[in-house]
Protein backbone atom coordinates (compact mmCIF):
# COMPACT_ATOMS: atom_id res chain seq x y z
CA UNK A 1 0.00 0.00 0.00
CA UNK A 2 1.26 3.47 -0.84
CA UNK A 3 0.81 6.63 1.22
CA UNK A 4 -1.69 7.90 -1.37
CA UNK A 5 -3.73 4.68 -1.11
CA UNK A 6 -3.63 4.80 2.68
CA UNK A 7 -4.79 8.42 2.74
CA UNK A 8 -7.58 7.58 0.26
CA UNK A 9 -8.73 4.83 2.64
CA UNK A 10 -9.46 7.50 5.27
CA UNK A 11 -12.77 8.18 3.53
CA UNK A 12 -13.82 4.53 3.86
CA UNK A 13 -16.00 3.20 6.66
CA UNK A 14 -13.16 1.12 8.11
CA UNK A 15 -9.39 0.76 7.80
CA UNK A 16 -7.93 -1.35 5.00
CA UNK A 17 -8.11 -5.05 5.81
CA UNK A 18 -4.39 -5.47 5.18
CA UNK A 19 -3.43 -2.65 7.57
CA UNK A 20 -1.28 -3.56 10.55
CA UNK A 21 -2.46 -2.68 14.05
CA UNK A 22 -0.11 0.32 13.90
CA UNK A 23 -1.73 1.62 10.70
CA UNK A 24 -5.21 0.82 12.01
CA UNK A 25 -4.50 2.94 15.09
CA UNK A 26 -3.32 5.84 12.96
CA UNK A 27 -6.34 5.41 10.66
CA UNK A 28 -8.74 5.75 13.60
CA UNK A 29 -6.82 8.76 14.89
CA UNK A 30 -7.06 10.46 11.49
CA UNK A 31 -10.79 9.79 11.53
CA UNK A 32 -11.28 11.49 14.87
CA UNK A 33 -11.39 8.43 17.13
CA UNK A 34 -8.44 9.08 19.45
CA UNK A 35 -9.81 6.66 22.04
CA UNK A 36 -10.02 3.70 19.66
CA UNK A 37 -6.56 4.51 18.34
CA UNK A 38 -5.17 4.60 21.88
CA UNK A 39 -6.94 1.36 22.81
CA UNK A 40 -5.32 -0.44 19.87
CA UNK A 41 -1.81 0.82 20.49
CA UNK A 42 -1.57 0.81 24.29
CA UNK A 43 -1.23 -2.97 24.58
CA UNK A 44 1.55 -3.37 22.00
CA UNK A 45 4.98 -3.33 23.61
CA UNK A 46 7.51 -2.28 21.00
CA UNK A 47 9.20 0.88 19.74
CA UNK A 48 6.79 1.44 16.85
CA UNK A 49 3.81 1.34 19.19
CA UNK A 50 5.62 3.59 21.67
CA UNK A 51 6.14 6.15 18.89
CA UNK A 52 2.44 6.16 18.04
CA UNK A 53 1.57 6.24 21.73
CA UNK A 54 3.85 9.29 22.14
CA UNK A 55 2.24 11.03 19.17
CA UNK A 56 -1.26 10.35 20.57
CA UNK A 57 -0.39 11.83 23.97
CA UNK A 58 1.27 14.82 22.30
CA UNK A 59 -1.96 15.33 20.35
CA UNK A 60 -3.94 15.05 23.57
CA UNK A 61 -1.75 17.75 25.11
CA UNK A 62 -0.24 15.45 27.76
CA UNK A 63 3.36 16.41 27.03
CA UNK A 64 4.90 14.73 30.08
CA UNK A 65 3.31 11.41 29.11
CA UNK A 66 4.20 11.95 25.44
CA UNK A 67 7.85 12.51 26.35
CA UNK A 68 7.86 9.27 28.36
CA UNK A 69 6.64 7.38 25.29
CA UNK A 70 9.07 9.16 22.95
CA UNK A 71 11.87 7.96 25.24
CA UNK A 72 10.50 4.40 25.09
CA UNK A 73 10.44 4.71 21.29
CA UNK A 74 14.05 5.95 21.21
CA UNK A 75 12.94 9.29 19.77
CA UNK A 76 12.71 12.93 20.77
CA UNK A 77 9.53 14.96 20.59
CA UNK A 78 9.59 16.53 17.12
CA UNK A 79 9.29 20.24 16.43
CA UNK A 80 6.81 19.70 13.60
CA UNK A 81 3.03 19.87 13.39
CA UNK A 82 0.94 16.92 14.47
CA UNK A 83 -0.08 16.43 10.84
CA UNK A 84 3.54 16.21 9.75
CA UNK A 85 4.37 13.76 12.51
CA UNK A 86 1.35 11.59 11.65
CA UNK A 87 2.50 11.42 8.02
CA UNK A 88 6.09 10.68 9.05
CA UNK A 89 4.92 7.76 11.17
CA UNK A 90 2.65 6.42 8.43
CA UNK A 91 5.47 6.63 5.88
CA UNK A 92 7.79 4.74 8.23
CA UNK A 93 5.22 1.98 8.69
CA UNK A 94 4.17 1.47 5.08
PDB file of N, CA and C in Angstrom:
ATOM      1  N   UNK A   1       0.849  -1.170   0.000  1.00  0.00           N
ATOM      2  CA  UNK A   1       0.000   0.000   0.000  1.00  0.00           C
ATOM      3  C   UNK A   1       0.899   1.239   0.000  1.00  0.00           C
ATOM      4  N   UNK A   2       0.515   2.206  -0.772  1.00  0.00           N
ATOM      5  CA  UNK A   2       1.261   3.466  -0.835  1.00  0.00           C
ATOM      6  C   UNK A   2       0.640   4.478   0.136  1.00  0.00           C
ATOM      7  N   UNK A   3       1.339   5.566   0.367  1.00  0.00           N
ATOM      8  CA  UNK A   3       0.806   6.629   1.217  1.00  0.00           C
ATOM      9  C   UNK A   3      -0.478   7.194   0.617  1.00  0.00           C
ATOM     10  N   UNK A   4      -0.499   7.378  -0.694  1.00  0.00           N
ATOM     11  CA  UNK A   4      -1.692   7.900  -1.365  1.00  0.00           C
ATOM     12  C   UNK A   4      -2.875   6.951  -1.144  1.00  0.00           C
ATOM     13  N   UNK A   5      -2.658   5.662  -1.322  1.00  0.00           N
ATOM     14  CA  UNK A   5      -3.733   4.683  -1.112  1.00  0.00           C
ATOM     15  C   UNK A   5      -4.217   4.699   0.336  1.00  0.00           C
ATOM     16  N   UNK A   6      -3.262   4.772   1.258  1.00  0.00           N
ATOM     17  CA  UNK A   6      -3.627   4.801   2.676  1.00  0.00           C
ATOM     18  C   UNK A   6      -4.470   6.038   2.977  1.00  0.00           C
ATOM     19  N   UNK A   7      -4.036   7.191   2.505  1.00  0.00           N
ATOM     20  CA  UNK A   7      -4.794   8.424   2.737  1.00  0.00           C
ATOM     21  C   UNK A   7      -6.175   8.348   2.091  1.00  0.00           C
ATOM     22  N   UNK A   8      -6.280   7.734   0.913  1.00  0.00           N
ATOM     23  CA  UNK A   8      -7.580   7.577   0.260  1.00  0.00           C
ATOM     24  C   UNK A   8      -8.497   6.691   1.099  1.00  0.00           C
ATOM     25  N   UNK A   9      -7.916   5.734   1.821  1.00  0.00           N
ATOM     26  CA  UNK A   9      -8.727   4.831   2.642  1.00  0.00           C
ATOM     27  C   UNK A   9      -9.386   5.556   3.815  1.00  0.00           C
ATOM     28  N   UNK A  10      -8.898   6.747   4.143  1.00  0.00           N
ATOM     29  CA  UNK A  10      -9.457   7.495   5.275  1.00  0.00           C
ATOM     30  C   UNK A  10     -10.918   7.876   5.049  1.00  0.00           C
ATOM     31  N   UNK A  11     -11.365   7.873   3.803  1.00  0.00           N
ATOM     32  CA  UNK A  11     -12.768   8.184   3.526  1.00  0.00           C
ATOM     33  C   UNK A  11     -13.648   6.933   3.539  1.00  0.00           C
ATOM     34  N   UNK A  12     -13.056   5.782   3.769  1.00  0.00           N
ATOM     35  CA  UNK A  12     -13.818   4.531   3.859  1.00  0.00           C
ATOM     36  C   UNK A  12     -14.433   4.385   5.247  1.00  0.00           C
ATOM     37  N   UNK A  13     -15.320   3.425   5.384  1.00  0.00           N
ATOM     38  CA  UNK A  13     -15.996   3.196   6.656  1.00  0.00           C
ATOM     39  C   UNK A  13     -15.107   2.500   7.677  1.00  0.00           C
ATOM     40  N   UNK A  14     -14.057   1.835   7.209  1.00  0.00           N
ATOM     41  CA  UNK A  14     -13.156   1.117   8.109  1.00  0.00           C
ATOM     42  C   UNK A  14     -11.760   1.082   7.496  1.00  0.00           C
ATOM     43  N   UNK A  15     -10.750   0.790   8.326  1.00  0.00           N
ATOM     44  CA  UNK A  15      -9.390   0.759   7.797  1.00  0.00           C
ATOM     45  C   UNK A  15      -9.202  -0.378   6.795  1.00  0.00           C
ATOM     46  N   UNK A  16      -8.192  -0.283   5.958  1.00  0.00           N
ATOM     47  CA  UNK A  16      -7.927  -1.353   4.997  1.00  0.00           C
ATOM     48  C   UNK A  16      -7.705  -2.685   5.718  1.00  0.00           C
ATOM     49  N   UNK A  17      -8.216  -3.739   5.160  1.00  0.00           N
ATOM     50  CA  UNK A  17      -8.112  -5.051   5.810  1.00  0.00           C
ATOM     51  C   UNK A  17      -6.665  -5.495   5.984  1.00  0.00           C
ATOM     52  N   UNK A  18      -5.790  -5.053   5.097  1.00  0.00           N
ATOM     53  CA  UNK A  18      -4.388  -5.473   5.184  1.00  0.00           C
ATOM     54  C   UNK A  18      -3.554  -4.586   6.104  1.00  0.00           C
ATOM     55  N   UNK A  19      -4.161  -3.575   6.703  1.00  0.00           N
ATOM     56  CA  UNK A  19      -3.427  -2.650   7.567  1.00  0.00           C
ATOM     57  C   UNK A  19      -3.010  -3.326   8.867  1.00  0.00           C
ATOM     58  N   UNK A  20      -1.784  -3.060   9.269  1.00  0.00           N
ATOM     59  CA  UNK A  20      -1.279  -3.562  10.553  1.00  0.00           C
ATOM     60  C   UNK A  20      -2.021  -2.854  11.687  1.00  0.00           C
ATOM     61  N   UNK A  21      -1.861  -3.358  12.902  1.00  0.00           N
ATOM     62  CA  UNK A  21      -2.465  -2.681  14.051  1.00  0.00           C
ATOM     63  C   UNK A  21      -1.956  -1.249  14.172  1.00  0.00           C
ATOM     64  N   UNK A  22      -0.683  -1.027  13.847  1.00  0.00           N
ATOM     65  CA  UNK A  22      -0.114   0.324  13.903  1.00  0.00           C
ATOM     66  C   UNK A  22      -0.867   1.255  12.947  1.00  0.00           C
ATOM     67  N   UNK A  23      -1.039   0.799  11.712  1.00  0.00           N
ATOM     68  CA  UNK A  23      -1.728   1.618  10.702  1.00  0.00           C
ATOM     69  C   UNK A  23      -3.216   1.741  11.004  1.00  0.00           C
ATOM     70  N   UNK A  24      -3.802   0.722  11.599  1.00  0.00           N
ATOM     71  CA  UNK A  24      -5.209   0.820  12.014  1.00  0.00           C
ATOM     72  C   UNK A  24      -5.360   1.903  13.073  1.00  0.00           C
ATOM     73  N   UNK A  25      -4.446   1.926  14.035  1.00  0.00           N
ATOM     74  CA  UNK A  25      -4.500   2.936  15.094  1.00  0.00           C
ATOM     75  C   UNK A  25      -4.403   4.337  14.500  1.00  0.00           C
ATOM     76  N   UNK A  26      -3.477   4.529  13.582  1.00  0.00           N
ATOM     77  CA  UNK A  26      -3.317   5.845  12.959  1.00  0.00           C
ATOM     78  C   UNK A  26      -4.511   6.197  12.080  1.00  0.00           C
ATOM     79  N   UNK A  27      -5.136   5.196  11.465  1.00  0.00           N
ATOM     80  CA  UNK A  27      -6.338   5.410  10.657  1.00  0.00           C
ATOM     81  C   UNK A  27      -7.469   5.948  11.548  1.00  0.00           C
ATOM     82  N   UNK A  28      -7.679   5.291  12.695  1.00  0.00           N
ATOM     83  CA  UNK A  28      -8.744   5.750  13.599  1.00  0.00           C
ATOM     84  C   UNK A  28      -8.444   7.148  14.131  1.00  0.00           C
ATOM     85  N   UNK A  29      -7.174   7.419  14.448  1.00  0.00           N
ATOM     86  CA  UNK A  29      -6.816   8.764  14.893  1.00  0.00           C
ATOM     87  C   UNK A  29      -7.158   9.793  13.823  1.00  0.00           C
ATOM     88  N   UNK A  30      -6.793   9.526  12.584  1.00  0.00           N
ATOM     89  CA  UNK A  30      -7.056  10.460  11.489  1.00  0.00           C
ATOM     90  C   UNK A  30      -8.549  10.655  11.266  1.00  0.00           C
ATOM     91  N   UNK A  31      -9.340   9.693  11.679  1.00  0.00           N
ATOM     92  CA  UNK A  31     -10.793   9.786  11.528  1.00  0.00           C
ATOM     93  C   UNK A  31     -11.481  10.261  12.805  1.00  0.00           C
ATOM     94  N   UNK A  32     -10.702  10.848  13.702  1.00  0.00           N
ATOM     95  CA  UNK A  32     -11.283  11.486  14.873  1.00  0.00           C
ATOM     96  C   UNK A  32     -11.588  10.592  16.046  1.00  0.00           C
ATOM     97  N   UNK A  33     -11.110   9.344  16.016  1.00  0.00           N
ATOM     98  CA  UNK A  33     -11.387   8.427  17.128  1.00  0.00           C
ATOM     99  C   UNK A  33     -10.095   8.162  17.904  1.00  0.00           C
ATOM    100  N   UNK A  34      -9.670   9.173  18.657  1.00  0.00           N
ATOM    101  CA  UNK A  34      -8.438   9.085  19.447  1.00  0.00           C
ATOM    102  C   UNK A  34      -8.504   7.895  20.403  1.00  0.00           C
ATOM    103  N   UNK A  35      -9.653   7.723  21.043  1.00  0.00           N
ATOM    104  CA  UNK A  35      -9.815   6.657  22.040  1.00  0.00           C
ATOM    105  C   UNK A  35      -9.594   5.274  21.441  1.00  0.00           C
ATOM    106  N   UNK A  36     -10.195   5.008  20.299  1.00  0.00           N
ATOM    107  CA  UNK A  36     -10.018   3.699  19.657  1.00  0.00           C
ATOM    108  C   UNK A  36      -8.555   3.514  19.244  1.00  0.00           C
ATOM    109  N   UNK A  37      -7.960   4.565  18.723  1.00  0.00           N
ATOM    110  CA  UNK A  37      -6.555   4.515  18.345  1.00  0.00           C
ATOM    111  C   UNK A  37      -5.700   4.163  19.553  1.00  0.00           C
ATOM    112  N   UNK A  38      -5.929   4.841  20.652  1.00  0.00           N
ATOM    113  CA  UNK A  38      -5.166   4.598  21.881  1.00  0.00           C
ATOM    114  C   UNK A  38      -5.397   3.186  22.394  1.00  0.00           C
ATOM    115  N   UNK A  39      -6.635   2.715  22.341  1.00  0.00           N
ATOM    116  CA  UNK A  39      -6.936   1.356  22.808  1.00  0.00           C
ATOM    117  C   UNK A  39      -6.192   0.297  22.006  1.00  0.00           C
ATOM    118  N   UNK A  40      -6.043   0.519  20.714  1.00  0.00           N
ATOM    119  CA  UNK A  40      -5.316  -0.440  19.871  1.00  0.00           C
ATOM    120  C   UNK A  40      -3.840  -0.449  20.236  1.00  0.00           C
ATOM    121  N   UNK A  41      -3.255   0.713  20.386  1.00  0.00           N
ATOM    122  CA  UNK A  41      -1.806   0.824  20.494  1.00  0.00           C
ATOM    123  C   UNK A  41      -1.280   0.610  21.908  1.00  0.00           C
ATOM    124  N   UNK A  42      -2.080   0.848  22.920  1.00  0.00           N
ATOM    125  CA  UNK A  42      -1.573   0.813  24.294  1.00  0.00           C
ATOM    126  C   UNK A  42      -1.123  -0.566  24.760  1.00  0.00           C
ATOM    127  N   UNK A  43      -1.603  -1.622  24.148  1.00  0.00           N
ATOM    128  CA  UNK A  43      -1.233  -2.968  24.581  1.00  0.00           C
ATOM    129  C   UNK A  43      -0.127  -3.601  23.747  1.00  0.00           C
ATOM    130  N   UNK A  44       0.446  -2.854  22.813  1.00  0.00           N
ATOM    131  CA  UNK A  44       1.551  -3.365  21.997  1.00  0.00           C
ATOM    132  C   UNK A  44       2.837  -2.824  22.604  1.00  0.00           C
ATOM    133  N   UNK A  45       3.765  -3.717  22.890  1.00  0.00           N
ATOM    134  CA  UNK A  45       4.982  -3.333  23.607  1.00  0.00           C
ATOM    135  C   UNK A  45       6.199  -3.399  22.698  1.00  0.00           C
ATOM    136  N   UNK A  46       6.314  -2.406  21.813  1.00  0.00           N
ATOM    137  CA  UNK A  46       7.514  -2.282  20.996  1.00  0.00           C
ATOM    138  C   UNK A  46       7.730  -0.812  20.659  1.00  0.00           C
ATOM    139  N   UNK A  47       8.849  -0.515  20.000  1.00  0.00           N
ATOM    140  CA  UNK A  47       9.201   0.885  19.738  1.00  0.00           C
ATOM    141  C   UNK A  47       8.257   1.565  18.756  1.00  0.00           C
ATOM    142  N   UNK A  48       7.725   0.820  17.790  1.00  0.00           N
ATOM    143  CA  UNK A  48       6.793   1.439  16.847  1.00  0.00           C
ATOM    144  C   UNK A  48       5.522   1.872  17.574  1.00  0.00           C
ATOM    145  N   UNK A  49       5.008   1.002  18.424  1.00  0.00           N
ATOM    146  CA  UNK A  49       3.806   1.338  19.192  1.00  0.00           C
ATOM    147  C   UNK A  49       4.077   2.492  20.149  1.00  0.00           C
ATOM    148  N   UNK A  50       5.264   2.502  20.752  1.00  0.00           N
ATOM    149  CA  UNK A  50       5.620   3.593  21.667  1.00  0.00           C
ATOM    150  C   UNK A  50       5.639   4.926  20.929  1.00  0.00           C
ATOM    151  N   UNK A  51       6.111   4.919  19.689  1.00  0.00           N
ATOM    152  CA  UNK A  51       6.141   6.152  18.890  1.00  0.00           C
ATOM    153  C   UNK A  51       4.722   6.668  18.647  1.00  0.00           C
ATOM    154  N   UNK A  52       3.828   5.764  18.262  1.00  0.00           N
ATOM    155  CA  UNK A  52       2.439   6.158  18.037  1.00  0.00           C
ATOM    156  C   UNK A  52       1.801   6.614  19.348  1.00  0.00           C
ATOM    157  N   UNK A  53       2.099   5.897  20.415  1.00  0.00           N
ATOM    158  CA  UNK A  53       1.569   6.238  21.732  1.00  0.00           C
ATOM    159  C   UNK A  53       2.028   7.656  22.117  1.00  0.00           C
ATOM    160  N   UNK A  54       3.301   7.961  21.855  1.00  0.00           N
ATOM    161  CA  UNK A  54       3.846   9.291  22.136  1.00  0.00           C
ATOM    162  C   UNK A  54       3.108  10.351  21.332  1.00  0.00           C
ATOM    163  N   UNK A  55       2.953  10.094  20.049  1.00  0.00           N
ATOM    164  CA  UNK A  55       2.235  11.027  19.169  1.00  0.00           C
ATOM    165  C   UNK A  55       0.814  11.276  19.698  1.00  0.00           C
ATOM    166  N   UNK A  56       0.117  10.209  20.092  1.00  0.00           N
ATOM    167  CA  UNK A  56      -1.260  10.353  20.573  1.00  0.00           C
ATOM    168  C   UNK A  56      -1.322  11.215  21.829  1.00  0.00           C
ATOM    169  N   UNK A  57      -0.375  11.018  22.746  1.00  0.00           N
ATOM    170  CA  UNK A  57      -0.394  11.828  23.973  1.00  0.00           C
ATOM    171  C   UNK A  57       0.039  13.260  23.695  1.00  0.00           C
ATOM    172  N   UNK A  58       0.923  13.446  22.721  1.00  0.00           N
ATOM    173  CA  UNK A  58       1.269  14.816  22.300  1.00  0.00           C
ATOM    174  C   UNK A  58       0.016  15.499  21.745  1.00  0.00           C
ATOM    175  N   UNK A  59      -0.732  14.779  20.928  1.00  0.00           N
ATOM    176  CA  UNK A  59      -1.960  15.332  20.352  1.00  0.00           C
ATOM    177  C   UNK A  59      -2.968  15.674  21.442  1.00  0.00           C
ATOM    178  N   UNK A  60      -3.017  14.844  22.452  1.00  0.00           N
ATOM    179  CA  UNK A  60      -3.935  15.047  23.569  1.00  0.00           C
ATOM    180  C   UNK A  60      -3.519  16.258  24.419  1.00  0.00           C
ATOM    181  N   UNK A  61      -2.247  16.647  24.310  1.00  0.00           N
ATOM    182  CA  UNK A  61      -1.745  17.753  25.107  1.00  0.00           C
ATOM    183  C   UNK A  61      -1.064  17.319  26.395  1.00  0.00           C
ATOM    184  N   UNK A  62      -0.900  16.015  26.573  1.00  0.00           N
ATOM    185  CA  UNK A  62      -0.244  15.450  27.760  1.00  0.00           C
ATOM    186  C   UNK A  62       1.245  15.276  27.443  1.00  0.00           C
ATOM    187  N   UNK A  63       1.973  16.392  27.487  1.00  0.00           N
ATOM    188  CA  UNK A  63       3.362  16.405  27.026  1.00  0.00           C
ATOM    189  C   UNK A  63       4.268  15.550  27.905  1.00  0.00           C
ATOM    190  N   UNK A  64       4.070  15.559  29.212  1.00  0.00           N
ATOM    191  CA  UNK A  64       4.895  14.726  30.083  1.00  0.00           C
ATOM    192  C   UNK A  64       4.775  13.259  29.680  1.00  0.00           C
ATOM    193  N   UNK A  65       3.557  12.795  29.497  1.00  0.00           N
ATOM    194  CA  UNK A  65       3.315  11.406  29.108  1.00  0.00           C
ATOM    195  C   UNK A  65       3.860  11.146  27.696  1.00  0.00           C
ATOM    196  N   UNK A  66       3.667  12.092  26.800  1.00  0.00           N
ATOM    197  CA  UNK A  66       4.202  11.951  25.442  1.00  0.00           C
ATOM    198  C   UNK A  66       5.714  11.779  25.490  1.00  0.00           C
ATOM    199  N   UNK A  67       6.397  12.609  26.273  1.00  0.00           N
ATOM    200  CA  UNK A  67       7.852  12.514  26.349  1.00  0.00           C
ATOM    201  C   UNK A  67       8.303  11.169  26.913  1.00  0.00           C
ATOM    202  N   UNK A  68       7.567  10.618  27.850  1.00  0.00           N
ATOM    203  CA  UNK A  68       7.855   9.272  28.357  1.00  0.00           C
ATOM    204  C   UNK A  68       7.828   8.261  27.209  1.00  0.00           C
ATOM    205  N   UNK A  69       6.787   8.328  26.386  1.00  0.00           N
ATOM    206  CA  UNK A  69       6.641   7.378  25.291  1.00  0.00           C
ATOM    207  C   UNK A  69       7.647   7.625  24.168  1.00  0.00           C
ATOM    208  N   UNK A  70       8.002   8.889  23.923  1.00  0.00           N
ATOM    209  CA  UNK A  70       9.068   9.162  22.945  1.00  0.00           C
ATOM    210  C   UNK A  70      10.369   8.504  23.409  1.00  0.00           C
ATOM    211  N   UNK A  71      10.665   8.604  24.700  1.00  0.00           N
ATOM    212  CA  UNK A  71      11.870   7.961  25.237  1.00  0.00           C
ATOM    213  C   UNK A  71      11.808   6.459  25.034  1.00  0.00           C
ATOM    214  N   UNK A  72      10.658   5.848  25.302  1.00  0.00           N
ATOM    215  CA  UNK A  72      10.498   4.399  25.088  1.00  0.00           C
ATOM    216  C   UNK A  72      10.673   4.031  23.619  1.00  0.00           C
ATOM    217  N   UNK A  73      10.320   4.956  22.736  1.00  0.00           N
ATOM    218  CA  UNK A  73      10.444   4.715  21.292  1.00  0.00           C
ATOM    219  C   UNK A  73      11.859   4.999  20.787  1.00  0.00           C
ATOM    220  N   UNK A  74      12.705   5.577  21.641  1.00  0.00           N
ATOM    221  CA  UNK A  74      14.046   5.947  21.209  1.00  0.00           C
ATOM    222  C   UNK A  74      14.053   7.189  20.345  1.00  0.00           C
ATOM    223  N   UNK A  75      13.090   8.077  20.586  1.00  0.00           N
ATOM    224  CA  UNK A  75      12.937   9.289  19.773  1.00  0.00           C
ATOM    225  C   UNK A  75      12.806  10.503  20.673  1.00  0.00           C
ATOM    226  N   UNK A  76      12.957  11.669  20.072  1.00  0.00           N
ATOM    227  CA  UNK A  76      12.708  12.933  20.771  1.00  0.00           C
ATOM    228  C   UNK A  76      11.434  13.537  20.209  1.00  0.00           C
ATOM    229  N   UNK A  77      10.742  14.293  21.056  1.00  0.00           N
ATOM    230  CA  UNK A  77       9.526  14.961  20.593  1.00  0.00           C
ATOM    231  C   UNK A  77       9.896  15.886  19.429  1.00  0.00           C
ATOM    232  N   UNK A  78       9.230  15.729  18.286  1.00  0.00           N
ATOM    233  CA  UNK A  78       9.589  16.535  17.116  1.00  0.00           C
ATOM    234  C   UNK A  78       9.052  17.959  17.206  1.00  0.00           C
ATOM    235  N   UNK A  79       9.717  18.839  16.490  1.00  0.00           N
ATOM    236  CA  UNK A  79       9.287  20.236  16.429  1.00  0.00           C
ATOM    237  C   UNK A  79       8.568  20.478  15.113  1.00  0.00           C
ATOM    238  N   UNK A  80       7.622  19.591  14.815  1.00  0.00           N
ATOM    239  CA  UNK A  80       6.807  19.698  13.604  1.00  0.00           C
ATOM    240  C   UNK A  80       5.345  19.629  14.019  1.00  0.00           C
ATOM    241  N   UNK A  81       4.470  19.945  13.086  1.00  0.00           N
ATOM    242  CA  UNK A  81       3.032  19.872  13.389  1.00  0.00           C
ATOM    243  C   UNK A  81       2.619  18.420  13.623  1.00  0.00           C
ATOM    244  N   UNK A  82       1.485  18.260  14.271  1.00  0.00           N
ATOM    245  CA  UNK A  82       0.938  16.916  14.472  1.00  0.00           C
ATOM    246  C   UNK A  82       0.664  16.225  13.142  1.00  0.00           C
ATOM    247  N   UNK A  83       0.196  16.996  12.156  1.00  0.00           N
ATOM    248  CA  UNK A  83      -0.085  16.430  10.839  1.00  0.00           C
ATOM    249  C   UNK A  83       1.191  15.902  10.185  1.00  0.00           C
ATOM    250  N   UNK A  84       2.269  16.664  10.323  1.00  0.00           N
ATOM    251  CA  UNK A  84       3.541  16.214   9.755  1.00  0.00           C
ATOM    252  C   UNK A  84       4.060  14.972  10.475  1.00  0.00           C
ATOM    253  N   UNK A  85       3.914  14.945  11.779  1.00  0.00           N
ATOM    254  CA  UNK A  85       4.369  13.761  12.512  1.00  0.00           C
ATOM    255  C   UNK A  85       3.535  12.544  12.134  1.00  0.00           C
ATOM    256  N   UNK A  86       2.222  12.707  12.038  1.00  0.00           N
ATOM    257  CA  UNK A  86       1.349  11.590  11.650  1.00  0.00           C
ATOM    258  C   UNK A  86       1.823  11.017  10.326  1.00  0.00           C
ATOM    259  N   UNK A  87       2.074  11.886   9.341  1.00  0.00           N
ATOM    260  CA  UNK A  87       2.497  11.422   8.021  1.00  0.00           C
ATOM    261  C   UNK A  87       3.873  10.754   8.081  1.00  0.00           C
ATOM    262  N   UNK A  88       4.767  11.287   8.895  1.00  0.00           N
ATOM    263  CA  UNK A  88       6.088  10.684   9.051  1.00  0.00           C
ATOM    264  C   UNK A  88       5.976   9.266   9.604  1.00  0.00           C
ATOM    265  N   UNK A  89       5.120   9.095  10.593  1.00  0.00           N
ATOM    266  CA  UNK A  89       4.923   7.762  11.171  1.00  0.00           C
ATOM    267  C   UNK A  89       4.323   6.815  10.139  1.00  0.00           C
ATOM    268  N   UNK A  90       3.286   7.273   9.454  1.00  0.00           N
ATOM    269  CA  UNK A  90       2.654   6.420   8.434  1.00  0.00           C
ATOM    270  C   UNK A  90       3.674   5.998   7.381  1.00  0.00           C
ATOM    271  N   UNK A  91       4.450   6.959   6.892  1.00  0.00           N
ATOM    272  CA  UNK A  91       5.472   6.634   5.879  1.00  0.00           C
ATOM    273  C   UNK A  91       6.445   5.571   6.384  1.00  0.00           C
ATOM    274  N   UNK A  92       6.837   5.692   7.654  1.00  0.00           N
ATOM    275  CA  UNK A  92       7.788   4.745   8.232  1.00  0.00           C
ATOM    276  C   UNK A  92       7.193   3.352   8.357  1.00  0.00           C
ATOM    277  N   UNK A  93       5.882   3.269   8.489  1.00  0.00           N
ATOM    278  CA  UNK A  93       5.225   1.975   8.688  1.00  0.00           C
ATOM    279  C   UNK A  93       4.747   1.305   7.424  1.00  0.00           C
ATOM    280  N   UNK A  94       4.654   2.060   6.337  1.00  0.00           N
ATOM    281  CA  UNK A  94       4.171   1.472   5.083  1.00  0.00           C
ATOM    282  C   UNK A  94       5.252   0.645   4.407  1.00  0.00           C
TER     283      UNK A  94
END
